[in-house]
All heavy atoms as atom14 arrays in JSON, in Angstrom:
{
  "sequence": "REAESKLTGAQTAPSGLLRISMASPYGHYRVLPLLPKFRLRYPLVQFE",
  "atom14_mask": [
    [1, 1, 1, 1, 1, 1, 1, 1, 1, 1, 1, 0, 0, 0],
    [1, 1, 1, 1, 1, 1, 1, 1, 1, 0, 0, 0, 0, 0],
    [1, 1, 1, 1, 1, 0, 0, 0, 0, 0, 0, 0, 0, 0],
    [1, 1, 1, 1, 1, 1, 1, 1, 1, 0, 0, 0, 0, 0],
    [1, 1, 1, 1, 1, 1, 0, 0, 0, 0, 0, 0, 0, 0],
    [1, 1, 1, 1, 1, 1, 1, 1, 1, 0, 0, 0, 0, 0],
    [1, 1, 1, 1, 1, 1, 1, 1, 0, 0, 0, 0, 0, 0],
    [1, 1, 1, 1, 1, 1, 1, 0, 0, 0, 0, 0, 0, 0],
    [1, 1, 1, 1, 0, 0, 0, 0, 0, 0, 0, 0, 0, 0],
    [1, 1, 1, 1, 1, 0, 0, 0, 0, 0, 0, 0, 0, 0],
    [1, 1, 1, 1, 1, 1, 1, 1, 1, 0, 0, 0, 0, 0],
    [1, 1, 1, 1, 1, 1, 1, 0, 0, 0, 0, 0, 0, 0],
    [1, 1, 1, 1, 1, 0, 0, 0, 0, 0, 0, 0, 0, 0],
    [1, 1, 1, 1, 1, 1, 1, 0, 0, 0, 0, 0, 0, 0],
    [1, 1, 1, 1, 1, 1, 0, 0, 0, 0, 0, 0, 0, 0],
    [1, 1, 1, 1, 0, 0, 0, 0, 0, 0, 0, 0, 0, 0],
    [1, 1, 1, 1, 1, 1, 1, 1, 0, 0, 0, 0, 0, 0],
    [1, 1, 1, 1, 1, 1, 1, 1, 0, 0, 0, 0, 0, 0],
    [1, 1, 1, 1, 1, 1, 1, 1, 1, 1, 1, 0, 0, 0],
    [1, 1, 1, 1, 1, 1, 1, 1, 0, 0, 0, 0, 0, 0],
    [1, 1, 1, 1, 1, 1, 0, 0, 0, 0, 0, 0, 0, 0],
    [1, 1, 1, 1, 1, 1, 1, 1, 0, 0, 0, 0, 0, 0],
    [1, 1, 1, 1, 1, 0, 0, 0, 0, 0, 0, 0, 0, 0],
    [1, 1, 1, 1, 1, 1, 0, 0, 0, 0, 0, 0, 0, 0],
    [1, 1, 1, 1, 1, 1, 1, 0, 0, 0, 0, 0, 0, 0],
    [1, 1, 1, 1, 1, 1, 1, 1, 1, 1, 1, 1, 0, 0],
    [1, 1, 1, 1, 0, 0, 0, 0, 0, 0, 0, 0, 0, 0],
    [1, 1, 1, 1, 1, 1, 1, 1, 1, 1, 0, 0, 0, 0],
    [1, 1, 1, 1, 1, 1, 1, 1, 1, 1, 1, 1, 0, 0],
    [1, 1, 1, 1, 1, 1, 1, 1, 1, 1, 1, 0, 0, 0],
    [1, 1, 1, 1, 1, 1, 1, 0, 0, 0, 0, 0, 0, 0],
    [1, 1, 1, 1, 1, 1, 1, 1, 0, 0, 0, 0, 0, 0],
    [1, 1, 1, 1, 1, 1, 1, 0, 0, 0, 0, 0, 0, 0],
    [1, 1, 1, 1, 1, 1, 1, 1, 0, 0, 0, 0, 0, 0],
    [1, 1, 1, 1, 1, 1, 1, 1, 0, 0, 0, 0, 0, 0],
    [1, 1, 1, 1, 1, 1, 1, 0, 0, 0, 0, 0, 0, 0],
    [1, 1, 1, 1, 1, 1, 1, 1, 1, 0, 0, 0, 0, 0],
    [1, 1, 1, 1, 1, 1, 1, 1, 1, 1, 1, 0, 0, 0],
    [1, 1, 1, 1, 1, 1, 1, 1, 1, 1, 1, 0, 0, 0],
    [1, 1, 1, 1, 1, 1, 1, 1, 0, 0, 0, 0, 0, 0],
    [1, 1, 1, 1, 1, 1, 1, 1, 1, 1, 1, 0, 0, 0],
    [1, 1, 1, 1, 1, 1, 1, 1, 1, 1, 1, 1, 0, 0],
    [1, 1, 1, 1, 1, 1, 1, 0, 0, 0, 0, 0, 0, 0],
    [1, 1, 1, 1, 1, 1, 1, 1, 0, 0, 0, 0, 0, 0],
    [1, 1, 1, 1, 1, 1, 1, 0, 0, 0, 0, 0, 0, 0],
    [1, 1, 1, 1, 1, 1, 1, 1, 1, 0, 0, 0, 0, 0],
    [1, 1, 1, 1, 1, 1, 1, 1, 1, 1, 1, 0, 0, 0],
    [1, 1, 1, 1, 1, 1, 1, 1, 1, 0, 0, 0, 0, 0]
  ],
  "atom14_positions": [
    [[-9.23, -0.54, -13.87], [-9.29, -1.65, -12.91], [-10.15, -1.28, -11.7], [-10.92, -2.09, -11.19], [-7.87, -2.04, -12.48], [-7.11, -2.83, -13.54], [-5.84, -3.43, -12.96], [-4.85, -2.39, -12.67], [-3.91, -2.0, -13.51], [-3.85, -2.53, -14.73], [-3.04, -1.07, -13.17], [0.0, 0.0, 0.0], [0.0, 0.0, 0.0], [0.0, 0.0, 0.0]],
    [[-9.99, -0.04, -11.22], [-10.78, 0.4, -10.08], [-12.27, 0.45, -10.41], [-13.12, 0.03, -9.62], [-10.31, 1.78, -9.61], [-9.0, 1.76, -8.87], [-8.64, 3.11, -8.29], [-9.57, 3.85, -7.94], [-7.45, 3.42, -8.19], [0.0, 0.0, 0.0], [0.0, 0.0, 0.0], [0.0, 0.0, 0.0], [0.0, 0.0, 0.0], [0.0, 0.0, 0.0]],
    [[-12.59, 0.95, -11.62], [-13.99, 1.02, -12.03], [-14.6, -0.37, -12.13], [-15.73, -0.61, -11.68], [-14.1, 1.74, -13.37], [0.0, 0.0, 0.0], [0.0, 0.0, 0.0], [0.0, 0.0, 0.0], [0.0, 0.0, 0.0], [0.0, 0.0, 0.0], [0.0, 0.0, 0.0], [0.0, 0.0, 0.0], [0.0, 0.0, 0.0], [0.0, 0.0, 0.0]],
    [[-13.84, -1.3, -12.69], [-14.34, -2.67, -12.82], [-14.55, -3.31, -11.46], [-15.55, -4.0, -11.23], [-13.34, -3.49, -13.65], [-13.82, -4.9, -13.94], [-12.87, -5.63, -14.87], [-12.81, -5.28, -16.06], [-12.16, -6.54, -14.39], [0.0, 0.0, 0.0], [0.0, 0.0, 0.0], [0.0, 0.0, 0.0], [0.0, 0.0, 0.0], [0.0, 0.0, 0.0]],
    [[-13.61, -3.05, -10.54], [-13.73, -3.62, -9.2], [-14.95, -3.09, -8.47], [-15.67, -3.83, -7.79], [-12.47, -3.31, -8.39], [-11.35, -3.93, -8.97], [0.0, 0.0, 0.0], [0.0, 0.0, 0.0], [0.0, 0.0, 0.0], [0.0, 0.0, 0.0], [0.0, 0.0, 0.0], [0.0, 0.0, 0.0], [0.0, 0.0, 0.0], [0.0, 0.0, 0.0]],
    [[-15.2, -1.79, -8.61], [-16.36, -1.2, -7.94], [-17.66, -1.75, -8.49], [-18.62, -1.99, -7.75], [-16.32, 0.32, -8.1], [-15.24, 1.0, -7.28], [-15.23, 2.49, -7.5], [-14.15, 3.15, -6.68], [-14.07, 4.62, -6.91], [0.0, 0.0, 0.0], [0.0, 0.0, 0.0], [0.0, 0.0, 0.0], [0.0, 0.0, 0.0], [0.0, 0.0, 0.0]],
    [[-17.7, -1.96, -9.81], [-18.94, -2.44, -10.43], [-19.2, -3.91, -10.13], [-20.32, -4.32, -9.9], [-18.9, -2.21, -11.94], [-19.0, -0.76, -12.4], [-18.81, -0.66, -13.9], [-20.34, -0.16, -12.01], [0.0, 0.0, 0.0], [0.0, 0.0, 0.0], [0.0, 0.0, 0.0], [0.0, 0.0, 0.0], [0.0, 0.0, 0.0], [0.0, 0.0, 0.0]],
    [[-18.15, -4.71, -10.16], [-18.32, -6.15, -9.97], [-18.31, -6.54, -8.5], [-18.78, -7.61, -8.12], [-17.22, -6.92, -10.69], [-15.94, -6.56, -10.12], [-17.2, -6.59, -12.18], [0.0, 0.0, 0.0], [0.0, 0.0, 0.0], [0.0, 0.0, 0.0], [0.0, 0.0, 0.0], [0.0, 0.0, 0.0], [0.0, 0.0, 0.0], [0.0, 0.0, 0.0]],
    [[-17.73, -5.66, -7.66], [-17.6, -6.0, -6.24], [-16.55, -7.04, -5.99], [-16.41, -7.55, -4.89], [0.0, 0.0, 0.0], [0.0, 0.0, 0.0], [0.0, 0.0, 0.0], [0.0, 0.0, 0.0], [0.0, 0.0, 0.0], [0.0, 0.0, 0.0], [0.0, 0.0, 0.0], [0.0, 0.0, 0.0], [0.0, 0.0, 0.0], [0.0, 0.0, 0.0]],
    [[-15.77, -7.37, -7.04], [-14.77, -8.43, -6.9], [-13.61, -7.99, -6.03], [-13.01, -8.79, -5.33], [-14.26, -8.84, -8.28], [0.0, 0.0, 0.0], [0.0, 0.0, 0.0], [0.0, 0.0, 0.0], [0.0, 0.0, 0.0], [0.0, 0.0, 0.0], [0.0, 0.0, 0.0], [0.0, 0.0, 0.0], [0.0, 0.0, 0.0], [0.0, 0.0, 0.0]],
    [[-13.27, -6.7, -6.09], [-12.13, -6.23, -5.31], [-12.29, -4.75, -5.04], [-12.24, -3.93, -5.95], [-10.83, -6.47, -6.08], [-9.59, -6.01, -5.34], [-8.35, -6.24, -6.14], [-8.19, -7.29, -6.76], [-7.47, -5.27, -6.15], [0.0, 0.0, 0.0], [0.0, 0.0, 0.0], [0.0, 0.0, 0.0], [0.0, 0.0, 0.0], [0.0, 0.0, 0.0]],
    [[-12.51, -4.39, -3.8], [-12.65, -2.98, -3.45], [-11.46, -2.49, -2.64], [-11.41, -1.32, -2.29], [-13.94, -2.78, -2.63], [-13.88, -3.61, -1.46], [-15.17, -3.13, -3.45], [0.0, 0.0, 0.0], [0.0, 0.0, 0.0], [0.0, 0.0, 0.0], [0.0, 0.0, 0.0], [0.0, 0.0, 0.0], [0.0, 0.0, 0.0], [0.0, 0.0, 0.0]],
    [[-10.52, -3.36, -2.33], [-9.37, -2.97, -1.53], [-8.28, -2.39, -2.41], [-8.14, -2.76, -3.58], [-8.83, -4.19, -0.78], [0.0, 0.0, 0.0], [0.0, 0.0, 0.0], [0.0, 0.0, 0.0], [0.0, 0.0, 0.0], [0.0, 0.0, 0.0], [0.0, 0.0, 0.0], [0.0, 0.0, 0.0], [0.0, 0.0, 0.0], [0.0, 0.0, 0.0]],
    [[-7.47, -1.47, -1.87], [-6.31, -0.95, -2.62], [-5.37, -2.09, -3.0], [-5.19, -3.04, -2.23], [-5.65, 0.0, -1.62], [-6.74, 0.38, -0.67], [-7.61, -0.84, -0.56], [0.0, 0.0, 0.0], [0.0, 0.0, 0.0], [0.0, 0.0, 0.0], [0.0, 0.0, 0.0], [0.0, 0.0, 0.0], [0.0, 0.0, 0.0], [0.0, 0.0, 0.0]],
    [[-4.77, -1.98, -4.17], [-3.86, -3.02, -4.63], [-2.83, -2.42, -5.58], [-2.98, -1.29, -6.05], [-4.63, -4.14, -5.35], [-5.25, -3.64, -6.53], [0.0, 0.0, 0.0], [0.0, 0.0, 0.0], [0.0, 0.0, 0.0], [0.0, 0.0, 0.0], [0.0, 0.0, 0.0], [0.0, 0.0, 0.0], [0.0, 0.0, 0.0], [0.0, 0.0, 0.0]],
    [[-1.78, -3.2, -5.85], [-0.77, -2.78, -6.81], [0.49, -2.28, -6.14], [0.63, -2.27, -4.91], [0.0, 0.0, 0.0], [0.0, 0.0, 0.0], [0.0, 0.0, 0.0], [0.0, 0.0, 0.0], [0.0, 0.0, 0.0], [0.0, 0.0, 0.0], [0.0, 0.0, 0.0], [0.0, 0.0, 0.0], [0.0, 0.0, 0.0], [0.0, 0.0, 0.0]],
    [[1.45, -1.84, -6.97], [2.76, -1.42, -6.5], [2.75, 0.07, -6.16], [2.32, 0.9, -6.94], [3.81, -1.68, -7.58], [5.26, -1.31, -7.25], [5.78, -2.19, -6.12], [6.15, -1.42, -8.48], [0.0, 0.0, 0.0], [0.0, 0.0, 0.0], [0.0, 0.0, 0.0], [0.0, 0.0, 0.0], [0.0, 0.0, 0.0], [0.0, 0.0, 0.0]],
    [[3.25, 0.38, -4.96], [3.34, 1.76, -4.5], [4.82, 2.13, -4.41], [5.57, 1.54, -3.63], [2.68, 1.89, -3.13], [2.44, 3.29, -2.56], [1.6, 4.13, -3.52], [1.75, 3.18, -1.22], [0.0, 0.0, 0.0], [0.0, 0.0, 0.0], [0.0, 0.0, 0.0], [0.0, 0.0, 0.0], [0.0, 0.0, 0.0], [0.0, 0.0, 0.0]],
    [[5.24, 3.1, -5.24], [6.65, 3.51, -5.28], [6.81, 4.82, -4.5], [6.19, 5.82, -4.8], [7.12, 3.7, -6.73], [7.01, 2.43, -7.57], [7.68, 2.61, -8.92], [9.12, 2.66, -8.8], [9.88, 3.68, -9.17], [9.33, 4.77, -9.69], [11.19, 3.66, -9.04], [0.0, 0.0, 0.0], [0.0, 0.0, 0.0], [0.0, 0.0, 0.0]],
    [[7.68, 4.76, -3.48], [7.83, 5.89, -2.56], [9.3, 6.26, -2.42], [10.16, 5.4, -2.26], [7.27, 5.54, -1.16], [5.85, 5.02, -1.26], [7.32, 6.76, -0.25], [5.31, 4.49, 0.05], [0.0, 0.0, 0.0], [0.0, 0.0, 0.0], [0.0, 0.0, 0.0], [0.0, 0.0, 0.0], [0.0, 0.0, 0.0], [0.0, 0.0, 0.0]],
    [[9.58, 7.55, -2.45], [10.91, 8.08, -2.14], [10.82, 8.86, -0.84], [9.87, 9.61, -0.62], [11.4, 9.0, -3.26], [12.57, 9.68, -2.86], [0.0, 0.0, 0.0], [0.0, 0.0, 0.0], [0.0, 0.0, 0.0], [0.0, 0.0, 0.0], [0.0, 0.0, 0.0], [0.0, 0.0, 0.0], [0.0, 0.0, 0.0], [0.0, 0.0, 0.0]],
    [[11.81, 8.65, 0.03], [11.78, 9.38, 1.3], [13.2, 9.62, 1.8], [14.13, 8.88, 1.44], [10.97, 8.61, 2.35], [11.56, 7.29, 2.77], [10.41, 6.28, 3.75], [9.56, 5.38, 2.44], [0.0, 0.0, 0.0], [0.0, 0.0, 0.0], [0.0, 0.0, 0.0], [0.0, 0.0, 0.0], [0.0, 0.0, 0.0], [0.0, 0.0, 0.0]],
    [[13.36, 10.66, 2.59], [14.65, 10.93, 3.22], [15.01, 9.76, 4.13], [14.16, 9.24, 4.85], [14.57, 12.23, 4.02], [0.0, 0.0, 0.0], [0.0, 0.0, 0.0], [0.0, 0.0, 0.0], [0.0, 0.0, 0.0], [0.0, 0.0, 0.0], [0.0, 0.0, 0.0], [0.0, 0.0, 0.0], [0.0, 0.0, 0.0], [0.0, 0.0, 0.0]],
    [[16.27, 9.33, 4.1], [16.65, 8.09, 4.77], [16.39, 8.09, 6.28], [15.85, 7.11, 6.8], [18.11, 7.74, 4.47], [18.97, 8.77, 4.89], [0.0, 0.0, 0.0], [0.0, 0.0, 0.0], [0.0, 0.0, 0.0], [0.0, 0.0, 0.0], [0.0, 0.0, 0.0], [0.0, 0.0, 0.0], [0.0, 0.0, 0.0], [0.0, 0.0, 0.0]],
    [[16.72, 9.15, 7.04], [16.44, 9.06, 8.48], [14.96, 8.99, 8.8], [14.54, 8.22, 9.66], [17.09, 10.34, 9.06], [17.22, 11.26, 7.9], [17.43, 10.39, 6.7], [0.0, 0.0, 0.0], [0.0, 0.0, 0.0], [0.0, 0.0, 0.0], [0.0, 0.0, 0.0], [0.0, 0.0, 0.0], [0.0, 0.0, 0.0], [0.0, 0.0, 0.0]],
    [[14.16, 9.77, 8.07], [12.72, 9.73, 8.32], [12.15, 8.38, 7.93], [11.26, 7.84, 8.62], [12.02, 10.85, 7.54], [10.63, 11.14, 8.05], [10.46, 11.93, 9.19], [9.5, 10.64, 7.43], [9.19, 12.2, 9.69], [8.23, 10.92, 7.91], [8.08, 11.69, 9.05], [6.83, 11.94, 9.54], [0.0, 0.0, 0.0], [0.0, 0.0, 0.0]],
    [[12.67, 7.82, 6.86], [12.22, 6.49, 6.46], [12.53, 5.44, 7.51], [11.65, 4.69, 7.94], [0.0, 0.0, 0.0], [0.0, 0.0, 0.0], [0.0, 0.0, 0.0], [0.0, 0.0, 0.0], [0.0, 0.0, 0.0], [0.0, 0.0, 0.0], [0.0, 0.0, 0.0], [0.0, 0.0, 0.0], [0.0, 0.0, 0.0], [0.0, 0.0, 0.0]],
    [[13.78, 5.4, 7.96], [14.2, 4.37, 8.92], [13.45, 4.48, 10.25], [13.06, 3.47, 10.83], [15.7, 4.48, 9.18], [16.54, 3.87, 8.1], [16.58, 2.52, 7.85], [17.37, 4.44, 7.18], [17.39, 2.26, 6.84], [17.88, 3.41, 6.41], [0.0, 0.0, 0.0], [0.0, 0.0, 0.0], [0.0, 0.0, 0.0], [0.0, 0.0, 0.0]],
    [[13.28, 5.7, 10.74], [12.76, 5.87, 12.09], [11.26, 6.1, 12.17], [10.65, 5.86, 13.22], [13.5, 7.02, 12.79], [14.89, 6.65, 13.22], [15.96, 6.8, 12.35], [15.13, 6.12, 14.47], [17.25, 6.45, 12.73], [16.41, 5.76, 14.87], [17.47, 5.93, 13.99], [18.73, 5.55, 14.37], [0.0, 0.0, 0.0], [0.0, 0.0, 0.0]],
    [[10.64, 6.58, 11.08], [9.23, 6.94, 11.19], [8.31, 6.15, 10.26], [7.2, 5.8, 10.63], [9.05, 8.45, 10.92], [9.81, 9.34, 11.88], [9.3, 9.21, 13.3], [8.02, 9.89, 13.49], [7.05, 9.43, 14.25], [7.16, 8.28, 14.87], [5.93, 10.12, 14.39], [0.0, 0.0, 0.0], [0.0, 0.0, 0.0], [0.0, 0.0, 0.0]],
    [[8.76, 5.88, 9.03], [7.85, 5.27, 8.05], [7.99, 3.76, 7.96], [6.98, 3.04, 8.03], [8.06, 5.91, 6.65], [7.13, 5.25, 5.63], [7.8, 7.41, 6.71], [0.0, 0.0, 0.0], [0.0, 0.0, 0.0], [0.0, 0.0, 0.0], [0.0, 0.0, 0.0], [0.0, 0.0, 0.0], [0.0, 0.0, 0.0], [0.0, 0.0, 0.0]],
    [[9.2, 3.26, 7.81], [9.38, 1.81, 7.62], [8.77, 0.99, 8.75], [8.16, -0.06, 8.48], [10.86, 1.47, 7.46], [11.59, 2.1, 6.27], [12.98, 1.47, 6.1], [10.8, 1.95, 4.98], [0.0, 0.0, 0.0], [0.0, 0.0, 0.0], [0.0, 0.0, 0.0], [0.0, 0.0, 0.0], [0.0, 0.0, 0.0], [0.0, 0.0, 0.0]],
    [[8.87, 1.42, 10.01], [8.23, 0.62, 11.07], [6.72, 0.51, 10.93], [6.11, -0.4, 11.51], [8.61, 1.38, 12.36], [9.87, 2.11, 12.01], [9.69, 2.52, 10.58], [0.0, 0.0, 0.0], [0.0, 0.0, 0.0], [0.0, 0.0, 0.0], [0.0, 0.0, 0.0], [0.0, 0.0, 0.0], [0.0, 0.0, 0.0], [0.0, 0.0, 0.0]],
    [[6.09, 1.41, 10.16], [4.63, 1.39, 10.01], [4.14, 0.52, 8.85], [2.95, 0.19, 8.79], [4.11, 2.82, 9.8], [4.35, 3.81, 10.95], [3.91, 5.2, 10.52], [3.6, 3.38, 12.2], [0.0, 0.0, 0.0], [0.0, 0.0, 0.0], [0.0, 0.0, 0.0], [0.0, 0.0, 0.0], [0.0, 0.0, 0.0], [0.0, 0.0, 0.0]],
    [[5.03, 0.18, 7.92], [4.59, -0.49, 6.7], [3.96, -1.87, 6.95], [2.97, -2.21, 6.3], [5.75, -0.6, 5.71], [6.32, 0.73, 5.21], [7.29, 0.5, 4.05], [5.22, 1.7, 4.79], [0.0, 0.0, 0.0], [0.0, 0.0, 0.0], [0.0, 0.0, 0.0], [0.0, 0.0, 0.0], [0.0, 0.0, 0.0], [0.0, 0.0, 0.0]],
    [[4.5, -2.68, 7.87], [3.82, -3.96, 8.13], [2.38, -3.77, 8.59], [1.5, -4.56, 8.21], [4.69, -4.61, 9.22], [6.05, -4.02, 9.01], [5.79, -2.61, 8.59], [0.0, 0.0, 0.0], [0.0, 0.0, 0.0], [0.0, 0.0, 0.0], [0.0, 0.0, 0.0], [0.0, 0.0, 0.0], [0.0, 0.0, 0.0], [0.0, 0.0, 0.0]],
    [[2.12, -2.75, 9.39], [0.75, -2.47, 9.84], [-0.14, -2.12, 8.66], [-1.3, -2.56, 8.58], [0.76, -1.33, 10.86], [-0.62, -0.98, 11.41], [-0.53, 0.11, 12.46], [-1.91, 0.48, 13.0], [-1.83, 1.54, 14.04], [0.0, 0.0, 0.0], [0.0, 0.0, 0.0], [0.0, 0.0, 0.0], [0.0, 0.0, 0.0], [0.0, 0.0, 0.0]],
    [[0.39, -1.31, 7.72], [-0.39, -0.94, 6.54], [-0.72, -2.18, 5.71], [-1.84, -2.35, 5.23], [0.38, 0.08, 5.69], [-0.35, 0.5, 4.45], [-1.32, 1.5, 4.49], [-0.09, -0.1, 3.22], [-2.0, 1.9, 3.35], [-0.76, 0.28, 2.07], [-1.73, 1.28, 2.14], [0.0, 0.0, 0.0], [0.0, 0.0, 0.0], [0.0, 0.0, 0.0]],
    [[0.27, -3.08, 5.53], [0.05, -4.27, 4.69], [-0.88, -5.27, 5.37], [-1.54, -6.06, 4.69], [1.37, -4.93, 4.32], [2.16, -4.13, 3.31], [3.07, -4.99, 2.47], [2.32, -5.77, 1.5], [2.31, -7.09, 1.44], [2.98, -7.81, 2.33], [1.63, -7.72, 0.52], [0.0, 0.0, 0.0], [0.0, 0.0, 0.0], [0.0, 0.0, 0.0]],
    [[-0.94, -5.27, 6.69], [-1.95, -6.1, 7.36], [-3.34, -5.61, 7.02], [-4.29, -6.38, 6.88], [-1.73, -6.08, 8.87], [-0.57, -6.92, 9.41], [-0.4, -6.69, 10.9], [-0.79, -8.4, 9.12], [0.0, 0.0, 0.0], [0.0, 0.0, 0.0], [0.0, 0.0, 0.0], [0.0, 0.0, 0.0], [0.0, 0.0, 0.0], [0.0, 0.0, 0.0]],
    [[-3.47, -4.3, 6.88], [-4.77, -3.7, 6.53], [-5.06, -3.84, 5.04], [-6.19, -4.09, 4.63], [-4.76, -2.22, 6.92], [-6.12, -1.55, 6.83], [-6.04, -0.08, 7.24], [-5.58, 0.11, 8.61], [-5.44, 1.31, 9.17], [-5.72, 2.41, 8.48], [-5.03, 1.41, 10.42], [0.0, 0.0, 0.0], [0.0, 0.0, 0.0], [0.0, 0.0, 0.0]],
    [[-4.0, -3.7, 4.2], [-4.16, -3.74, 2.74], [-3.12, -4.7, 2.15], [-2.1, -4.27, 1.6], [-3.99, -2.34, 2.14], [-4.93, -1.31, 2.69], [-4.46, -0.24, 3.43], [-6.31, -1.4, 2.47], [-5.32, 0.72, 3.94], [-7.18, -0.45, 2.98], [-6.68, 0.61, 3.72], [-7.54, 1.55, 4.22], [0.0, 0.0, 0.0], [0.0, 0.0, 0.0]],
    [[-3.32, -6.0, 2.27], [-2.3, -6.98, 1.86], [-2.06, -7.04, 0.35], [-1.08, -7.66, -0.08], [-2.87, -8.31, 2.37], [-4.35, -8.08, 2.47], [-4.51, -6.64, 2.87], [0.0, 0.0, 0.0], [0.0, 0.0, 0.0], [0.0, 0.0, 0.0], [0.0, 0.0, 0.0], [0.0, 0.0, 0.0], [0.0, 0.0, 0.0], [0.0, 0.0, 0.0]],
    [[-2.9, -6.42, -0.46], [-2.72, -6.47, -1.91], [-1.81, -5.35, -2.42], [-1.53, -5.27, -3.61], [-4.08, -6.38, -2.62], [-5.06, -7.52, -2.31], [-6.39, -7.28, -3.01], [-4.48, -8.86, -2.72], [0.0, 0.0, 0.0], [0.0, 0.0, 0.0], [0.0, 0.0, 0.0], [0.0, 0.0, 0.0], [0.0, 0.0, 0.0], [0.0, 0.0, 0.0]],
    [[-1.33, -4.5, -1.53], [-0.41, -3.43, -1.91], [1.03, -3.89, -1.68], [1.35, -4.45, -0.64], [-0.69, -2.14, -1.1], [0.35, -1.07, -1.43], [-2.09, -1.63, -1.37], [0.0, 0.0, 0.0], [0.0, 0.0, 0.0], [0.0, 0.0, 0.0], [0.0, 0.0, 0.0], [0.0, 0.0, 0.0], [0.0, 0.0, 0.0], [0.0, 0.0, 0.0]],
    [[1.88, -3.67, -2.69], [3.3, -3.94, -2.56], [4.06, -2.62, -2.58], [3.58, -1.63, -3.13], [3.81, -4.84, -3.69], [3.14, -6.2, -3.76], [1.91, -6.17, -4.63], [1.92, -5.56, -5.7], [0.85, -6.82, -4.19], [0.0, 0.0, 0.0], [0.0, 0.0, 0.0], [0.0, 0.0, 0.0], [0.0, 0.0, 0.0], [0.0, 0.0, 0.0]],
    [[5.27, -2.61, -2.0], [6.06, -1.39, -1.89], [7.38, -1.51, -2.64], [8.03, -2.55, -2.63], [6.38, -1.08, -0.43], [5.2, -0.57, 0.36], [4.42, -1.43, 1.11], [4.87, 0.78, 0.34], [3.34, -0.97, 1.84], [3.78, 1.25, 1.06], [3.02, 0.37, 1.81], [0.0, 0.0, 0.0], [0.0, 0.0, 0.0], [0.0, 0.0, 0.0]],
    [[7.76, -0.42, -3.29], [9.13, -0.23, -3.77], [9.63, 1.06, -3.14], [9.06, 2.13, -3.35], [9.18, -0.12, -5.29], [10.6, 0.01, -5.84], [10.64, 0.05, -7.35], [9.99, -0.82, -7.97], [11.3, 0.95, -7.91], [0.0, 0.0, 0.0], [0.0, 0.0, 0.0], [0.0, 0.0, 0.0], [0.0, 0.0, 0.0], [0.0, 0.0, 0.0]]
  ]
}
């Protein structure tokens, strides 16, 4: 999919499901507050 996107120019942005495991306190206080900012930059990425 990435190769096709690069060749066609149809989609060069990151996309798809990103599955992440993290320690709960670090997730709550450090990572989760940043995810909306990341999705504003890369709206085609979804999180699990």
